[in-house]
Amino acid sequence: SNGKGQLCLGDEIDRLIPERIPLPRKIVDIAVGGEFTLLLTDDGVVYGCGSNALGQLGLGPELQVVKQPMNIGLASPAKSISAGKDHSLIMTTDGYYVMGSNEFGQLCTDSGGEPL
């Protein structure tokens, strides 16, 4: 499914054959969540696309859906990315970052069940 643009191709059209993601940097890792995708490049930049309804892309509350890869703007280079159904975890050179749904405490921080 590509209902939220999670294929990072700029639209919501499903693809039945593989199609290259148009990103000028080399992608070295991919993390797939419920309706979103994170892409890690060889220089430590993280891009996100798809649903951001619960903040899982880390792009703030204004952007609900992102159909093309968008730099999530970390202050330091990422080394590893991980995604759950509605949350994300990123390891950078200066620490760990979490974002998205914390309904069941999956962000390992006490937010009273509210998204971060």
C-alpha atoms as a PDB file:
ATOM      1  CA  SER A   1       0.000   0.000   0.000  1.00  0.00           C
ATOM      2  CA  ASN A   2       1.071   3.567  -0.661  1.00  0.00           C
ATOM      3  CA  GLY A   3      -1.986   5.298   0.811  1.00  0.00           C
ATOM      4  CA  LYS A   4       0.089   7.821   2.771  1.00  0.00           C
ATOM      5  CA  GLY A   5       3.009   8.168   0.330  1.00  0.00           C
ATOM      6  CA  GLN A   6       5.166   5.746   2.324  1.00  0.00           C
ATOM      7  CA  LEU A   7       6.893   4.493  -0.849  1.00  0.00           C
ATOM      8  CA  CYS A   8       8.629   7.916  -1.022  1.00  0.00           C
ATOM      9  CA  LEU A   9       7.787   8.354  -4.708  1.00  0.00           C
ATOM     10  CA  GLY A  10       5.830  11.611  -4.454  1.00  0.00           C
ATOM     11  CA  ASP A  11       2.327  10.195  -4.792  1.00  0.00           C
ATOM     12  CA  GLU A  12      -0.136   7.682  -3.305  1.00  0.00           C
ATOM     13  CA  ILE A  13      -0.183   5.248  -6.251  1.00  0.00           C
ATOM     14  CA  ASP A  14       0.512   1.600  -5.399  1.00  0.00           C
ATOM     15  CA  ARG A  15       3.437  -0.008  -7.278  1.00  0.00           C
ATOM     16  CA  LEU A  16       3.287  -3.598  -8.522  1.00  0.00           C
ATOM     17  CA  ILE A  17       6.915  -3.628  -9.711  1.00  0.00           C
ATOM     18  CA  PRO A  18      10.014  -2.155  -8.011  1.00  0.00           C
ATOM     19  CA  GLU A  19      10.710   1.521  -8.627  1.00  0.00           C
ATOM     20  CA  ARG A  20      13.832   3.422  -7.563  1.00  0.00           C
ATOM     21  CA  ILE A  21      13.382   6.116  -4.881  1.00  0.00           C
ATOM     22  CA  PRO A  22      14.595   9.412  -6.395  1.00  0.00           C
ATOM     23  CA  LEU A  23      17.113  10.487  -3.769  1.00  0.00           C
ATOM     24  CA  PRO A  24      20.477  11.971  -4.790  1.00  0.00           C
ATOM     25  CA  ARG A  25      22.293  10.379  -1.845  1.00  0.00           C
ATOM     26  CA  LYS A  26      23.167   6.725  -1.327  1.00  0.00           C
ATOM     27  CA  ILE A  27      20.677   4.977   0.981  1.00  0.00           C
ATOM     28  CA  VAL A  28      22.373   2.566   3.406  1.00  0.00           C
ATOM     29  CA  ASP A  29      19.433   1.558   5.633  1.00  0.00           C
ATOM     30  CA  ILE A  30      15.634   1.585   5.576  1.00  0.00           C
ATOM     31  CA  ALA A  31      13.150   1.290   8.445  1.00  0.00           C
ATOM     32  CA  VAL A  32       9.479   0.652   7.686  1.00  0.00           C
ATOM     33  CA  GLY A  33       6.663   1.495  10.100  1.00  0.00           C
ATOM     34  CA  GLY A  34       2.896   1.129   9.894  1.00  0.00           C
ATOM     35  CA  GLU A  35       2.337   3.780   7.201  1.00  0.00           C
ATOM     36  CA  PHE A  36       5.735   5.493   7.028  1.00  0.00           C
ATOM     37  CA  THR A  37       9.327   4.908   5.968  1.00  0.00           C
ATOM     38  CA  LEU A  38      12.684   6.181   7.219  1.00  0.00           C
ATOM     39  CA  LEU A  39      15.730   6.282   4.930  1.00  0.00           C
ATOM     40  CA  LEU A  40      19.307   6.599   6.231  1.00  0.00           C
ATOM     41  CA  THR A  41      21.966   7.912   3.853  1.00  0.00           C
ATOM     42  CA  ASP A  42      25.682   7.163   3.843  1.00  0.00           C
ATOM     43  CA  ASP A  43      26.421  10.595   5.349  1.00  0.00           C
ATOM     44  CA  GLY A  44      24.047  10.095   8.310  1.00  0.00           C
ATOM     45  CA  VAL A  45      21.066  12.109   7.075  1.00  0.00           C
ATOM     46  CA  VAL A  46      17.619  10.642   7.816  1.00  0.00           C
ATOM     47  CA  TYR A  47      14.722  11.178   5.434  1.00  0.00           C
ATOM     48  CA  GLY A  48      11.114  10.316   6.177  1.00  0.00           C
ATOM     49  CA  CYS A  49       7.977   9.862   4.107  1.00  0.00           C
ATOM     50  CA  GLY A  50       4.425   8.672   4.650  1.00  0.00           C
ATOM     51  CA  SER A  51       2.250   9.300   7.689  1.00  0.00           C
ATOM     52  CA  ASN A  52       3.369  11.727  10.376  1.00  0.00           C
ATOM     53  CA  ALA A  53      -0.044  11.747  12.094  1.00  0.00           C
ATOM     54  CA  LEU A  54       1.477  10.778  15.459  1.00  0.00           C
ATOM     55  CA  GLY A  55       4.821  12.515  14.931  1.00  0.00           C
ATOM     56  CA  GLN A  56       6.565   9.301  13.886  1.00  0.00           C
ATOM     57  CA  LEU A  57       8.623  11.168  11.249  1.00  0.00           C
ATOM     58  CA  GLY A  58       9.650  13.826  13.759  1.00  0.00           C
ATOM     59  CA  LEU A  59       8.414  16.651  11.516  1.00  0.00           C
ATOM     60  CA  GLY A  60       6.090  18.363  13.990  1.00  0.00           C
ATOM     61  CA  PRO A  61       2.285  18.459  14.150  1.00  0.00           C
ATOM     62  CA  GLU A  62       1.712  20.576  11.014  1.00  0.00           C
ATOM     63  CA  LEU A  63       2.799  17.922   8.508  1.00  0.00           C
ATOM     64  CA  GLN A  64       0.410  14.975   8.611  1.00  0.00           C
ATOM     65  CA  VAL A  65       1.565  13.272   5.381  1.00  0.00           C
ATOM     66  CA  VAL A  66       4.828  13.537   3.439  1.00  0.00           C
ATOM     67  CA  LYS A  67       4.886  11.920  -0.016  1.00  0.00           C
ATOM     68  CA  GLN A  68       8.500  12.651  -0.964  1.00  0.00           C
ATOM     69  CA  PRO A  69      11.580  11.993   1.168  1.00  0.00           C
ATOM     70  CA  MET A  70      12.008  14.883   3.609  1.00  0.00           C
ATOM     71  CA  ASN A  71      15.109  15.476   5.718  1.00  0.00           C
ATOM     72  CA  ILE A  72      13.979  15.239   9.329  1.00  0.00           C
ATOM     73  CA  GLY A  73      16.723  17.664  10.358  1.00  0.00           C
ATOM     74  CA  LEU A  74      18.758  15.968  13.059  1.00  0.00           C
ATOM     75  CA  ALA A  75      21.527  18.017  14.669  1.00  0.00           C
ATOM     76  CA  SER A  76      24.101  15.224  14.355  1.00  0.00           C
ATOM     77  CA  PRO A  77      24.631  12.335  11.911  1.00  0.00           C
ATOM     78  CA  ALA A  78      22.536   9.214  12.405  1.00  0.00           C
ATOM     79  CA  LYS A  79      24.164   5.811  12.726  1.00  0.00           C
ATOM     80  CA  SER A  80      21.066   3.601  12.938  1.00  0.00           C
ATOM     81  CA  ILE A  81      17.297   3.858  12.428  1.00  0.00           C
ATOM     82  CA  SER A  82      14.385   1.746  13.628  1.00  0.00           C
ATOM     83  CA  ALA A  83      10.620   1.960  13.213  1.00  0.00           C
ATOM     84  CA  GLY A  84       7.613   0.436  14.930  1.00  0.00           C
ATOM     85  CA  LYS A  85       3.966   0.699  13.960  1.00  0.00           C
ATOM     86  CA  ASP A  86       3.648   4.386  14.924  1.00  0.00           C
ATOM     87  CA  HIS A  87       7.023   5.329  16.428  1.00  0.00           C
ATOM     88  CA  SER A  88      10.674   5.743  15.468  1.00  0.00           C
ATOM     89  CA  LEU A  89      14.032   5.476  17.190  1.00  0.00           C
ATOM     90  CA  ILE A  90      17.242   6.933  15.808  1.00  0.00           C
ATOM     91  CA  MET A  91      20.770   6.476  17.121  1.00  0.00           C
ATOM     92  CA  THR A  92      23.037   9.408  16.280  1.00  0.00           C
ATOM     93  CA  THR A  93      26.637  10.226  17.077  1.00  0.00           C
ATOM     94  CA  ASP A  94      25.444  12.179  20.142  1.00  0.00           C
ATOM     95  CA  GLY A  95      22.698   9.920  21.512  1.00  0.00           C
ATOM     96  CA  TYR A  96      19.297   8.366  20.929  1.00  0.00           C
ATOM     97  CA  TYR A  97      16.168  10.102  19.678  1.00  0.00           C
ATOM     98  CA  VAL A  98      12.577   8.814  19.895  1.00  0.00           C
ATOM     99  CA  MET A  99       9.409  10.147  18.300  1.00  0.00           C
ATOM    100  CA  GLY A 100       5.826   9.217  17.586  1.00  0.00           C
ATOM    101  CA  SER A 101       3.236   7.298  19.559  1.00  0.00           C
ATOM    102  CA  ASN A 102       3.992   6.452  23.166  1.00  0.00           C
ATOM    103  CA  GLU A 103       0.600   4.876  23.863  1.00  0.00           C
ATOM    104  CA  PHE A 104       2.154   1.772  25.414  1.00  0.00           C
ATOM    105  CA  GLY A 105       5.434   3.299  26.647  1.00  0.00           C
ATOM    106  CA  GLN A 106       7.336   2.175  23.542  1.00  0.00           C
ATOM    107  CA  LEU A 107       9.422   5.361  23.541  1.00  0.00           C
ATOM    108  CA  CYS A 108      10.894   4.413  26.929  1.00  0.00           C
ATOM    109  CA  THR A 109       9.944   7.763  28.394  1.00  0.00           C
ATOM    110  CA  ASP A 110       6.988   8.869  30.496  1.00  0.00           C
ATOM    111  CA  SER A 111       4.709  11.049  28.377  1.00  0.00           C
ATOM    112  CA  GLY A 112       1.445   9.848  29.884  1.00  0.00           C
ATOM    113  CA  GLY A 113       0.714   7.954  26.680  1.00  0.00           C
ATOM    114  CA  GLU A 114       0.880  11.101  24.537  1.00  0.00           C
ATOM    115  CA  PRO A 115       2.893  11.243  21.264  1.00  0.00           C
ATOM    116  CA  LEU A 116       6.306  12.908  21.404  1.00  0.00           C
END
